[in-house]
PDB file of N, CA and C in Angstrom:
ATOM      1  N   ILE A   1      -5.714  -1.938   1.024  1.00  0.00           N
ATOM      2  CA  ILE A   1      -6.741  -1.979   0.000  1.00  0.00           C
ATOM      3  C   ILE A   1      -6.949  -0.580  -0.575  1.00  0.00           C
ATOM      4  N   LYS A   2      -6.983   0.455   0.271  1.00  0.00           N
ATOM      5  CA  LYS A   2      -7.205   1.825  -0.196  1.00  0.00           C
ATOM      6  C   LYS A   2      -6.161   2.270  -1.210  1.00  0.00           C
ATOM      7  N   LYS A   3      -4.934   1.816  -1.060  1.00  0.00           N
ATOM      8  CA  LYS A   3      -3.855   2.234  -1.952  1.00  0.00           C
ATOM      9  C   LYS A   3      -3.796   1.402  -3.238  1.00  0.00           C
ATOM     10  N   GLY A   4      -4.595   0.348  -3.332  1.00  0.00           N
ATOM     11  CA  GLY A   4      -4.631  -0.459  -4.544  1.00  0.00           C
ATOM     12  C   GLY A   4      -3.470  -1.421  -4.692  1.00  0.00           C
ATOM     13  N   HIS A   5      -2.795  -1.730  -3.607  1.00  0.00           N
ATOM     14  CA  HIS A   5      -1.665  -2.659  -3.656  1.00  0.00           C
ATOM     15  C   HIS A   5      -2.191  -4.095  -3.630  1.00  0.00           C
ATOM     16  N   LEU A   6      -2.936  -4.441  -4.676  1.00  0.00           N
ATOM     17  CA  LEU A   6      -3.644  -5.724  -4.711  1.00  0.00           C
ATOM     18  C   LEU A   6      -3.383  -6.488  -5.997  1.00  0.00           C
ATOM     19  N   TYR A   7      -3.563  -7.781  -5.906  1.00  0.00           N
ATOM     20  CA  TYR A   7      -3.553  -8.637  -7.081  1.00  0.00           C
ATOM     21  C   TYR A   7      -4.548  -9.760  -6.841  1.00  0.00           C
ATOM     22  N   THR A   8      -4.972 -10.388  -7.925  1.00  0.00           N
ATOM     23  CA  THR A   8      -5.872 -11.525  -7.859  1.00  0.00           C
ATOM     24  C   THR A   8      -5.100 -12.758  -8.281  1.00  0.00           C
ATOM     25  N   THR A   9      -5.311 -13.850  -7.579  1.00  0.00           N
ATOM     26  CA  THR A   9      -4.627 -15.091  -7.925  1.00  0.00           C
ATOM     27  C   THR A   9      -5.590 -16.265  -7.833  1.00  0.00           C
ATOM     28  N   PHE A  10      -5.338 -17.260  -8.643  1.00  0.00           N
ATOM     29  CA  PHE A  10      -6.065 -18.515  -8.561  1.00  0.00           C
ATOM     30  C   PHE A  10      -5.193 -19.450  -7.730  1.00  0.00           C
ATOM     31  N   LYS A  11      -5.429 -19.445  -6.433  1.00  0.00           N
ATOM     32  CA  LYS A  11      -4.579 -20.172  -5.493  1.00  0.00           C
ATOM     33  C   LYS A  11      -4.560 -21.676  -5.744  1.00  0.00           C
ATOM     34  N   SER A  12      -5.602 -22.192  -6.360  1.00  0.00           N
ATOM     35  CA  SER A  12      -5.622 -23.634  -6.650  1.00  0.00           C
ATOM     36  C   SER A  12      -4.535 -24.026  -7.655  1.00  0.00           C
ATOM     37  N   LEU A  13      -4.006 -23.044  -8.407  1.00  0.00           N
ATOM     38  CA  LEU A  13      -2.934 -23.305  -9.363  1.00  0.00           C
ATOM     39  C   LEU A  13      -1.557 -23.211  -8.725  1.00  0.00           C
ATOM     40  N   GLY A  14      -1.479 -22.556  -7.586  1.00  0.00           N
ATOM     41  CA  GLY A  14      -0.201 -22.398  -6.897  1.00  0.00           C
ATOM     42  C   GLY A  14      -0.263 -21.213  -5.958  1.00  0.00           C
ATOM     43  N   ASP A  15       0.437 -21.305  -4.851  1.00  0.00           N
ATOM     44  CA  ASP A  15       0.476 -20.233  -3.864  1.00  0.00           C
ATOM     45  C   ASP A  15       1.279 -19.066  -4.429  1.00  0.00           C
ATOM     46  N   ALA A  16       0.706 -17.882  -4.445  1.00  0.00           N
ATOM     47  CA  ALA A  16       1.363 -16.699  -5.007  1.00  0.00           C
ATOM     48  C   ALA A  16       2.085 -15.870  -3.949  1.00  0.00           C
ATOM     49  N   GLU A  17       2.191 -16.367  -2.722  1.00  0.00           N
ATOM     50  CA  GLU A  17       2.898 -15.607  -1.691  1.00  0.00           C
ATOM     51  C   GLU A  17       4.322 -15.358  -2.150  1.00  0.00           C
ATOM     52  N   GLY A  18       4.727 -14.113  -2.141  1.00  0.00           N
ATOM     53  CA  GLY A  18       6.039 -13.711  -2.638  1.00  0.00           C
ATOM     54  C   GLY A  18       5.953 -12.980  -3.971  1.00  0.00           C
ATOM     55  N   PHE A  19       4.755 -12.957  -4.589  1.00  0.00           N
ATOM     56  CA  PHE A  19       4.582 -12.201  -5.833  1.00  0.00           C
ATOM     57  C   PHE A  19       4.757 -10.716  -5.551  1.00  0.00           C
ATOM     58  N   ASN A  20       5.413 -10.028  -6.478  1.00  0.00           N
ATOM     59  CA  ASN A  20       5.518  -8.573  -6.393  1.00  0.00           C
ATOM     60  C   ASN A  20       5.669  -8.017  -7.800  1.00  0.00           C
ATOM     61  N   TYR A  21       5.099  -6.837  -8.002  1.00  0.00           N
ATOM     62  CA  TYR A  21       5.173  -6.102  -9.261  1.00  0.00           C
ATOM     63  C   TYR A  21       5.569  -4.688  -8.912  1.00  0.00           C
ATOM     64  N   PHE A  22       6.631  -4.168  -9.535  1.00  0.00           N
ATOM     65  CA  PHE A  22       7.173  -2.871  -9.134  1.00  0.00           C
ATOM     66  C   PHE A  22       7.908  -2.217 -10.290  1.00  0.00           C
ATOM     67  N   SER A  23       8.142  -0.913 -10.143  1.00  0.00           N
ATOM     68  CA  SER A  23       8.960  -0.184 -11.114  1.00  0.00           C
ATOM     69  C   SER A  23      10.241   0.259 -10.429  1.00  0.00           C
ATOM     70  N   LYS A  24      11.269   0.446 -11.272  1.00  0.00           N
ATOM     71  CA  LYS A  24      12.556   0.939 -10.779  1.00  0.00           C
ATOM     72  C   LYS A  24      12.922   2.206 -11.525  1.00  0.00           C
ATOM     73  N   ASN A  25      13.676   3.073 -10.849  1.00  0.00           N
ATOM     74  CA  ASN A  25      14.173   4.288 -11.480  1.00  0.00           C
ATOM     75  C   ASN A  25      15.533   4.014 -12.120  1.00  0.00           C
ATOM     76  N   GLU A  26      16.170   5.060 -12.659  1.00  0.00           N
ATOM     77  CA  GLU A  26      17.452   4.885 -13.340  1.00  0.00           C
ATOM     78  C   GLU A  26      18.557   4.395 -12.414  1.00  0.00           C
ATOM     79  N   ALA A  27      18.435   4.652 -11.123  1.00  0.00           N
ATOM     80  CA  ALA A  27      19.424   4.193 -10.153  1.00  0.00           C
ATOM     81  C   ALA A  27      19.181   2.742  -9.731  1.00  0.00           C
ATOM     82  N   GLY A  28      18.118   2.120 -10.271  1.00  0.00           N
ATOM     83  CA  GLY A  28      17.809   0.738  -9.939  1.00  0.00           C
ATOM     84  C   GLY A  28      17.049   0.568  -8.644  1.00  0.00           C
ATOM     85  N   LYS A  29      16.516   1.654  -8.107  1.00  0.00           N
ATOM     86  CA  LYS A  29      15.766   1.594  -6.851  1.00  0.00           C
ATOM     87  C   LYS A  29      14.270   1.509  -7.145  1.00  0.00           C
ATOM     88  N   ILE A  30      13.559   0.728  -6.338  1.00  0.00           N
ATOM     89  CA  ILE A  30      12.109   0.600  -6.474  1.00  0.00           C
ATOM     90  C   ILE A  30      11.464   1.942  -6.146  1.00  0.00           C
ATOM     91  N   ASN A  31      10.605   2.427  -7.058  1.00  0.00           N
ATOM     92  CA  ASN A  31       9.938   3.703  -6.814  1.00  0.00           C
ATOM     93  C   ASN A  31       8.413   3.616  -6.890  1.00  0.00           C
ATOM     94  N   ALA A  32       7.864   2.437  -7.207  1.00  0.00           N
ATOM     95  CA  ALA A  32       6.411   2.257  -7.188  1.00  0.00           C
ATOM     96  C   ALA A  32       6.107   0.766  -7.168  1.00  0.00           C
ATOM     97  N   ILE A  33       4.982   0.412  -6.542  1.00  0.00           N
ATOM     98  CA  ILE A  33       4.486  -0.963  -6.580  1.00  0.00           C
ATOM     99  C   ILE A  33       3.063  -0.935  -7.123  1.00  0.00           C
ATOM    100  N   LEU A  34       2.506  -2.112  -7.369  1.00  0.00           N
ATOM    101  CA  LEU A  34       1.176  -2.182  -7.943  1.00  0.00           C
ATOM    102  C   LEU A  34       0.203  -1.280  -7.196  1.00  0.00           C
ATOM    103  N   GLY A  35      -0.581  -0.527  -7.961  1.00  0.00           N
ATOM    104  CA  GLY A  35      -1.533   0.419  -7.389  1.00  0.00           C
ATOM    105  C   GLY A  35      -0.990   1.827  -7.260  1.00  0.00           C
ATOM    106  N   ASP A  36       0.321   2.012  -7.374  1.00  0.00           N
ATOM    107  CA  ASP A  36       0.939   3.334  -7.244  1.00  0.00           C
ATOM    108  C   ASP A  36       0.970   4.061  -8.585  1.00  0.00           C
ATOM    109  N   SER A  37       1.262   5.359  -8.502  1.00  0.00           N
ATOM    110  CA  SER A  37       1.483   6.196  -9.676  1.00  0.00           C
ATOM    111  C   SER A  37       2.923   6.679  -9.661  1.00  0.00           C
ATOM    112  N   VAL A  38       3.502   6.842 -10.846  1.00  0.00           N
ATOM    113  CA  VAL A  38       4.887   7.295 -10.956  1.00  0.00           C
ATOM    114  C   VAL A  38       5.006   8.205 -12.185  1.00  0.00           C
ATOM    115  N   GLN A  39       5.821   9.241 -12.079  1.00  0.00           N
ATOM    116  CA  GLN A  39       6.026  10.158 -13.196  1.00  0.00           C
ATOM    117  C   GLN A  39       6.809   9.467 -14.306  1.00  0.00           C
ATOM    118  N   ILE A  40       6.470   9.789 -15.540  1.00  0.00           N
ATOM    119  CA  ILE A  40       7.062   9.127 -16.693  1.00  0.00           C
ATOM    120  C   ILE A  40       8.584   9.261 -16.724  1.00  0.00           C
ATOM    121  N   GLY A  41       9.137  10.371 -16.305  1.00  0.00           N
ATOM    122  CA  GLY A  41      10.583  10.572 -16.325  1.00  0.00           C
ATOM    123  C   GLY A  41      11.321   9.869 -15.205  1.00  0.00           C
ATOM    124  N   LYS A  42      10.586   9.240 -14.305  1.00  0.00           N
ATOM    125  CA  LYS A  42      11.208   8.604 -13.143  1.00  0.00           C
ATOM    126  C   LYS A  42      11.101   7.084 -13.176  1.00  0.00           C
ATOM    127  N   ILE A  43      10.843   6.525 -14.352  1.00  0.00           N
ATOM    128  CA  ILE A  43      10.693   5.073 -14.451  1.00  0.00           C
ATOM    129  C   ILE A  43      11.649   4.530 -15.509  1.00  0.00           C
ATOM    130  N   GLN A  44      12.422   3.549 -15.136  1.00  0.00           N
ATOM    131  CA  GLN A  44      13.373   2.912 -16.053  1.00  0.00           C
ATOM    132  C   GLN A  44      12.895   1.519 -16.480  1.00  0.00           C
ATOM    133  N   SER A  45      12.281   0.772 -15.536  1.00  0.00           N
ATOM    134  CA  SER A  45      11.846  -0.581 -15.870  1.00  0.00           C
ATOM    135  C   SER A  45      10.647  -0.980 -15.034  1.00  0.00           C
ATOM    136  N   LEU A  46       9.914  -1.962 -15.542  1.00  0.00           N
ATOM    137  CA  LEU A  46       8.826  -2.603 -14.815  1.00  0.00           C
ATOM    138  C   LEU A  46       9.269  -4.030 -14.542  1.00  0.00           C
ATOM    139  N   ASN A  47       9.034  -4.518 -13.329  1.00  0.00           N
ATOM    140  CA  ASN A  47       9.573  -5.804 -12.899  1.00  0.00           C
ATOM    141  C   ASN A  47       8.515  -6.603 -12.140  1.00  0.00           C
ATOM    142  N   ALA A  48       8.588  -7.918 -12.279  1.00  0.00           N
ATOM    143  CA  ALA A  48       7.692  -8.801 -11.538  1.00  0.00           C
ATOM    144  C   ALA A  48       8.480 -10.014 -11.064  1.00  0.00           C
ATOM    145  N   VAL A  49       8.095 -10.500  -9.893  1.00  0.00           N
ATOM    146  CA  VAL A  49       8.723 -11.673  -9.289  1.00  0.00           C
ATOM    147  C   VAL A  49       7.609 -12.586  -8.796  1.00  0.00           C
ATOM    148  N   THR A  50       7.755 -13.887  -9.056  1.00  0.00           N
ATOM    149  CA  THR A  50       6.786 -14.865  -8.568  1.00  0.00           C
ATOM    150  C   THR A  50       7.509 -15.998  -7.848  1.00  0.00           C
ATOM    151  N   PRO A  51       6.791 -16.698  -6.973  1.00  0.00           N
ATOM    152  CA  PRO A  51       7.414 -17.820  -6.264  1.00  0.00           C
ATOM    153  C   PRO A  51       7.508 -19.096  -7.104  1.00  0.00           C
ATOM    154  N   LEU A  52       6.800 -19.153  -8.222  1.00  0.00           N
ATOM    155  CA  LEU A  52       6.812 -20.327  -9.102  1.00  0.00           C
ATOM    156  C   LEU A  52       7.145 -19.887 -10.523  1.00  0.00           C
ATOM    157  N   PRO A  53       7.756 -20.763 -11.323  1.00  0.00           N
ATOM    158  CA  PRO A  53       8.039 -20.390 -12.708  1.00  0.00           C
ATOM    159  C   PRO A  53       6.747 -20.198 -13.488  1.00  0.00           C
ATOM    160  N   CYS A  54       6.738 -19.185 -14.350  1.00  0.00           N
ATOM    161  CA  CYS A  54       5.553 -18.864 -15.135  1.00  0.00           C
ATOM    162  C   CYS A  54       5.980 -18.020 -16.325  1.00  0.00           C
ATOM    163  N   GLN A  55       5.029 -17.708 -17.172  1.00  0.00           N
ATOM    164  CA  GLN A  55       5.248 -16.733 -18.232  1.00  0.00           C
ATOM    165  C   GLN A  55       4.536 -15.452 -17.841  1.00  0.00           C
ATOM    166  N   PHE A  56       5.161 -14.329 -18.172  1.00  0.00           N
ATOM    167  CA  PHE A  56       4.618 -13.020 -17.818  1.00  0.00           C
ATOM    168  C   PHE A  56       4.101 -12.319 -19.062  1.00  0.00           C
ATOM    169  N   ARG A  57       3.030 -11.559 -18.881  1.00  0.00           N
ATOM    170  CA  ARG A  57       2.488 -10.720 -19.950  1.00  0.00           C
ATOM    171  C   ARG A  57       2.305  -9.320 -19.396  1.00  0.00           C
ATOM    172  N   LEU A  58       2.855  -8.335 -20.096  1.00  0.00           N
ATOM    173  CA  LEU A  58       2.697  -6.940 -19.705  1.00  0.00           C
ATOM    174  C   LEU A  58       1.520  -6.359 -20.470  1.00  0.00           C
ATOM    175  N   ILE A  59       0.575  -5.802 -19.739  1.00  0.00           N
ATOM    176  CA  ILE A  59      -0.653  -5.247 -20.317  1.00  0.00           C
ATOM    177  C   ILE A  59      -0.625  -3.735 -20.141  1.00  0.00           C
ATOM    178  N   TYR A  60      -0.705  -3.006 -21.251  1.00  0.00           N
ATOM    179  CA  TYR A  60      -0.700  -1.532 -21.248  1.00  0.00           C
ATOM    180  C   TYR A  60      -2.061  -1.048 -21.728  1.00  0.00           C
ATOM    181  N   ASN A  61      -2.771  -0.344 -20.866  1.00  0.00           N
ATOM    182  CA  ASN A  61      -4.110   0.169 -21.191  1.00  0.00           C
ATOM    183  C   ASN A  61      -5.000  -0.914 -21.802  1.00  0.00           C
ATOM    184  N   GLY A  62      -4.927  -2.128 -21.257  1.00  0.00           N
ATOM    185  CA  GLY A  62      -5.795  -3.216 -21.670  1.00  0.00           C
ATOM    186  C   GLY A  62      -5.278  -4.067 -22.820  1.00  0.00           C
ATOM    187  N   GLU A  63      -4.132  -3.715 -23.412  1.00  0.00           N
ATOM    188  CA  GLU A  63      -3.585  -4.458 -24.544  1.00  0.00           C
ATOM    189  C   GLU A  63      -2.236  -5.071 -24.179  1.00  0.00           C
ATOM    190  N   LYS A  64      -2.002  -6.313 -24.585  1.00  0.00           N
ATOM    191  CA  LYS A  64      -0.712  -6.954 -24.333  1.00  0.00           C
ATOM    192  C   LYS A  64       0.349  -6.273 -25.181  1.00  0.00           C
ATOM    193  N   VAL A  65       1.438  -5.813 -24.545  1.00  0.00           N
ATOM    194  CA  VAL A  65       2.514  -5.150 -25.268  1.00  0.00           C
ATOM    195  C   VAL A  65       3.814  -5.936 -25.213  1.00  0.00           C
ATOM    196  N   ASP A  66       3.925  -6.905 -24.308  1.00  0.00           N
ATOM    197  CA  ASP A  66       5.133  -7.694 -24.207  1.00  0.00           C
ATOM    198  C   ASP A  66       4.836  -8.948 -23.402  1.00  0.00           C
ATOM    199  N   SER A  67       5.670  -9.967 -23.604  1.00  0.00           N
ATOM    200  CA  SER A  67       5.544 -11.184 -22.807  1.00  0.00           C
ATOM    201  C   SER A  67       6.897 -11.866 -22.747  1.00  0.00           C
ATOM    202  N   SER A  68       7.071 -12.659 -21.701  1.00  0.00           N
ATOM    203  CA  SER A  68       8.297 -13.450 -21.594  1.00  0.00           C
ATOM    204  C   SER A  68       8.143 -14.660 -22.496  1.00  0.00           C
ATOM    205  N   THR A  69       9.259 -15.152 -23.001  1.00  0.00           N
ATOM    206  CA  THR A  69       9.203 -16.264 -23.940  1.00  0.00           C
ATOM    207  C   THR A  69       9.481 -17.609 -23.279  1.00  0.00           C
ATOM    208  N   VAL A  70      10.012 -17.584 -22.073  1.00  0.00           N
ATOM    209  CA  VAL A  70      10.290 -18.821 -21.340  1.00  0.00           C
ATOM    210  C   VAL A  70       9.779 -18.682 -19.920  1.00  0.00           C
ATOM    211  N   ASP A  71       9.576 -19.813 -19.275  1.00  0.00           N
ATOM    212  CA  ASP A  71       9.176 -19.776 -17.878  1.00  0.00           C
ATOM    213  C   ASP A  71      10.277 -19.128 -17.053  1.00  0.00           C
ATOM    214  N   GLY A  72       9.873 -18.343 -16.080  1.00  0.00           N
ATOM    215  CA  GLY A  72      10.845 -17.716 -15.204  1.00  0.00           C
ATOM    216  C   GLY A  72      10.214 -17.331 -13.887  1.00  0.00           C
ATOM    217  N   TYR A  73      11.062 -16.993 -12.951  1.00  0.00           N
ATOM    218  CA  TYR A  73      10.596 -16.527 -11.645  1.00  0.00           C
ATOM    219  C   TYR A  73      10.552 -15.003 -11.594  1.00  0.00           C
ATOM    220  N   SER A  74      11.268 -14.358 -12.512  1.00  0.00           N
ATOM    221  CA  SER A  74      11.256 -12.900 -12.531  1.00  0.00           C
ATOM    222  C   SER A  74      11.239 -12.412 -13.974  1.00  0.00           C
ATOM    223  N   TYR A  75      10.863 -11.148 -14.132  1.00  0.00           N
ATOM    224  CA  TYR A  75      10.688 -10.553 -15.447  1.00  0.00           C
ATOM    225  C   TYR A  75      10.992  -9.066 -15.347  1.00  0.00           C
ATOM    226  N   SER A  76      11.724  -8.530 -16.307  1.00  0.00           N
ATOM    227  CA  SER A  76      11.986  -7.092 -16.374  1.00  0.00           C
ATOM    228  C   SER A  76      11.685  -6.612 -17.781  1.00  0.00           C
ATOM    229  N   TRP A  77      11.011  -5.483 -17.878  1.00  0.00           N
ATOM    230  CA  TRP A  77      10.697  -4.868 -19.158  1.00  0.00           C
ATOM    231  C   TRP A  77      11.314  -3.487 -19.170  1.00  0.00           C
ATOM    232  N   THR A  78      12.115  -3.220 -20.188  1.00  0.00           N
ATOM    233  CA  THR A  78      12.790  -1.924 -20.266  1.00  0.00           C
ATOM    234  C   THR A  78      12.487  -1.217 -21.580  1.00  0.00           C
ATOM    235  N   GLY A  79      11.363  -1.532 -22.186  1.00  0.00           N
ATOM    236  CA  GLY A  79      10.971  -0.887 -23.436  1.00  0.00           C
ATOM    237  C   GLY A  79      10.589   0.570 -23.198  1.00  0.00           C
ATOM    238  N   PRO A  80      10.257   1.287 -24.275  1.00  0.00           N
ATOM    239  CA  PRO A  80       9.853   2.690 -24.102  1.00  0.00           C
ATOM    240  C   PRO A  80       8.586   2.784 -23.256  1.00  0.00           C
ATOM    241  N   VAL A  81       8.601   3.678 -22.311  1.00  0.00           N
ATOM    242  CA  VAL A  81       7.474   3.845 -21.392  1.00  0.00           C
ATOM    243  C   VAL A  81       6.640   5.042 -21.841  1.00  0.00           C
ATOM    244  N   LYS A  82       5.338   4.831 -21.929  1.00  0.00           N
ATOM    245  CA  LYS A  82       4.389   5.891 -22.263  1.00  0.00           C
ATOM    246  C   LYS A  82       3.466   6.078 -21.071  1.00  0.00           C
ATOM    247  N   LYS A  83       2.780   7.196 -21.056  1.00  0.00           N
ATOM    248  CA  LYS A  83       1.785   7.419 -20.005  1.00  0.00           C
ATOM    249  C   LYS A  83       0.660   6.414 -20.146  1.00  0.00           C
ATOM    250  N   GLY A  84       0.163   5.930 -19.005  1.00  0.00           N
ATOM    251  CA  GLY A  84      -0.935   4.979 -19.021  1.00  0.00           C
ATOM    252  C   GLY A  84      -0.851   4.004 -17.866  1.00  0.00           C
ATOM    253  N   ALA A  85      -1.661   2.962 -17.943  1.00  0.00           N
ATOM    254  CA  ALA A  85      -1.740   1.943 -16.892  1.00  0.00           C
ATOM    255  C   ALA A  85      -1.062   0.668 -17.369  1.00  0.00           C
ATOM    256  N   TYR A  86      -0.092   0.179 -16.580  1.00  0.00           N
ATOM    257  CA  TYR A  86       0.641  -1.039 -16.883  1.00  0.00           C
ATOM    258  C   TYR A  86       0.368  -2.063 -15.794  1.00  0.00           C
ATOM    259  N   ARG A  87      -0.133  -3.212 -16.180  1.00  0.00           N
ATOM    260  CA  ARG A  87      -0.317  -4.286 -15.211  1.00  0.00           C
ATOM    261  C   ARG A  87       0.376  -5.533 -15.728  1.00  0.00           C
ATOM    262  N   ILE A  88       0.565  -6.494 -14.854  1.00  0.00           N
ATOM    263  CA  ILE A  88       1.248  -7.729 -15.232  1.00  0.00           C
ATOM    264  C   ILE A  88       0.312  -8.909 -15.010  1.00  0.00           C
ATOM    265  N   GLU A  89       0.388  -9.874 -15.903  1.00  0.00           N
ATOM    266  CA  GLU A  89      -0.306 -11.146 -15.732  1.00  0.00           C
ATOM    267  C   GLU A  89       0.754 -12.231 -15.672  1.00  0.00           C
ATOM    268  N   ALA A  90       0.556 -13.200 -14.808  1.00  0.00           N
ATOM    269  CA  ALA A  90       1.426 -14.375 -14.741  1.00  0.00           C
ATOM    270  C   ALA A  90       0.583 -15.581 -15.150  1.00  0.00           C
ATOM    271  N   HIS A  91       1.103 -16.348 -16.097  1.00  0.00           N
ATOM    272  CA  HIS A  91       0.408 -17.543 -16.588  1.00  0.00           C
ATOM    273  C   HIS A  91       1.264 -18.752 -16.263  1.00  0.00           C
ATOM    274  N   ILE A  92       0.637 -19.748 -15.664  1.00  0.00           N
ATOM    275  CA  ILE A  92       1.345 -20.942 -15.218  1.00  0.00           C
ATOM    276  C   ILE A  92       0.960 -22.122 -16.116  1.00  0.00           C
ATOM    277  N   LYS A  93       1.903 -23.022 -16.322  1.00  0.00           N
ATOM    278  CA  LYS A  93       1.648 -24.167 -17.207  1.00  0.00           C
ATOM    279  C   LYS A  93       0.857 -25.240 -16.462  1.00  0.00           C
ATOM    280  N   LEU A  94      -0.249 -25.656 -17.081  1.00  0.00           N
ATOM    281  CA  LEU A  94      -1.105 -26.694 -16.522  1.00  0.00           C
ATOM    282  C   LEU A  94      -1.493 -27.629 -17.661  1.00  0.00           C
ATOM    283  N   ASN A  95      -1.117 -28.892 -17.553  1.00  0.00           N
ATOM    284  CA  ASN A  95      -1.414 -29.883 -18.598  1.00  0.00           C
ATOM    285  C   ASN A  95      -0.936 -29.423 -19.976  1.00  0.00           C
ATOM    286  N   GLY A  96       0.251 -28.802 -20.016  1.00  0.00           N
ATOM    287  CA  GLY A  96       0.844 -28.392 -21.283  1.00  0.00           C
ATOM    288  C   GLY A  96       0.352 -27.077 -21.851  1.00  0.00           C
ATOM    289  N   LYS A  97      -0.583 -26.407 -21.165  1.00  0.00           N
ATOM    290  CA  LYS A  97      -1.103 -25.120 -21.627  1.00  0.00           C
ATOM    291  C   LYS A  97      -0.903 -24.070 -20.548  1.00  0.00           C
ATOM    292  N   TYR A  98      -0.723 -22.819 -20.985  1.00  0.00           N
ATOM    293  CA  TYR A  98      -0.592 -21.724 -20.027  1.00  0.00           C
ATOM    294  C   TYR A  98      -1.966 -21.167 -19.686  1.00  0.00           C
ATOM    295  N   VAL A  99      -2.217 -21.079 -18.395  1.00  0.00           N
ATOM    296  CA  VAL A  99      -3.492 -20.555 -17.915  1.00  0.00           C
ATOM    297  C   VAL A  99      -3.216 -19.386 -16.965  1.00  0.00           C
ATOM    298  N   PRO A 100      -4.136 -18.419 -16.903  1.00  0.00           N
ATOM    299  CA  PRO A 100      -3.940 -17.272 -16.014  1.00  0.00           C
ATOM    300  C   PRO A 100      -3.819 -17.723 -14.563  1.00  0.00           C
ATOM    301  N   TRP A 101      -2.853 -17.153 -13.885  1.00  0.00           N
ATOM    302  CA  TRP A 101      -2.611 -17.470 -12.472  1.00  0.00           C
ATOM    303  C   TRP A 101      -2.707 -16.208 -11.613  1.00  0.00           C
ATOM    304  N   ILE A 102      -2.054 -15.122 -12.037  1.00  0.00           N
ATOM    305  CA  ILE A 102      -2.041 -13.880 -11.265  1.00  0.00           C
ATOM    306  C   ILE A 102      -2.392 -12.718 -12.191  1.00  0.00           C
ATOM    307  N   TYR A 103      -3.266 -11.822 -11.708  1.00  0.00           N
ATOM    308  CA  TYR A 103      -3.568 -10.555 -12.353  1.00  0.00           C
ATOM    309  C   TYR A 103      -3.239  -9.445 -11.353  1.00  0.00           C
ATOM    310  N   SER A 104      -2.349  -8.541 -11.721  1.00  0.00           N
ATOM    311  CA  SER A 104      -1.981  -7.452 -10.798  1.00  0.00           C
ATOM    312  C   SER A 104      -2.819  -6.206 -11.067  1.00  0.00           C
ATOM    313  N   ASN A 105      -2.925  -5.367 -10.055  1.00  0.00           N
ATOM    314  CA  ASN A 105      -3.391  -4.017 -10.276  1.00  0.00           C
ATOM    315  C   ASN A 105      -2.288  -3.295 -11.054  1.00  0.00           C
ATOM    316  N   PRO A 106      -2.651  -2.235 -11.779  1.00  0.00           N
ATOM    317  CA  PRO A 106      -1.626  -1.549 -12.575  1.00  0.00           C
ATOM    318  C   PRO A 106      -0.729  -0.625 -11.762  1.00  0.00           C
ATOM    319  N   ILE A 107       0.388  -0.290 -12.380  1.00  0.00           N
ATOM    320  CA  ILE A 107       1.201   0.858 -11.979  1.00  0.00           C
ATOM    321  C   ILE A 107       0.826   1.936 -12.985  1.00  0.00           C
ATOM    322  N   TYR A 108       0.431   3.090 -12.499  1.00  0.00           N
ATOM    323  CA  TYR A 108      -0.019   4.186 -13.354  1.00  0.00           C
ATOM    324  C   TYR A 108       1.151   5.117 -13.648  1.00  0.00           C
ATOM    325  N   VAL A 109       1.432   5.337 -14.917  1.00  0.00           N
ATOM    326  CA  VAL A 109       2.517   6.222 -15.325  1.00  0.00           C
ATOM    327  C   VAL A 109       1.868   7.497 -15.858  1.00  0.00           C
ATOM    328  N   TYR A 110       2.260   8.635 -15.283  1.00  0.00           N
ATOM    329  CA  TYR A 110       1.679   9.909 -15.698  1.00  0.00           C
ATOM    330  C   TYR A 110       2.732  10.913 -16.112  1.00  0.00           C
TER     331      TYR A 110
END
């Protein structure tokens, strides 16, 4: 809890065990997880994995900057990275509509 490696989930929509949100460096190695900070020059991509298919939304400093267009179990974003807080939301389909399922703590890029 102290390190901020937390996320919120609506378990009634589906078990989120196995969810992870992380960044990778240019070598493809994980260098930060939710709640961590990483230097701007050491981040190549932001990635999320869920145990159920969903749509992902990348939130940068409170604003949506990207989203997946189809349901998936994983998501990678390799757009230009700026300093700030990046968090991921996972939305699951319920009765034909996407509803929030998981909210992650951010990865802080400095």
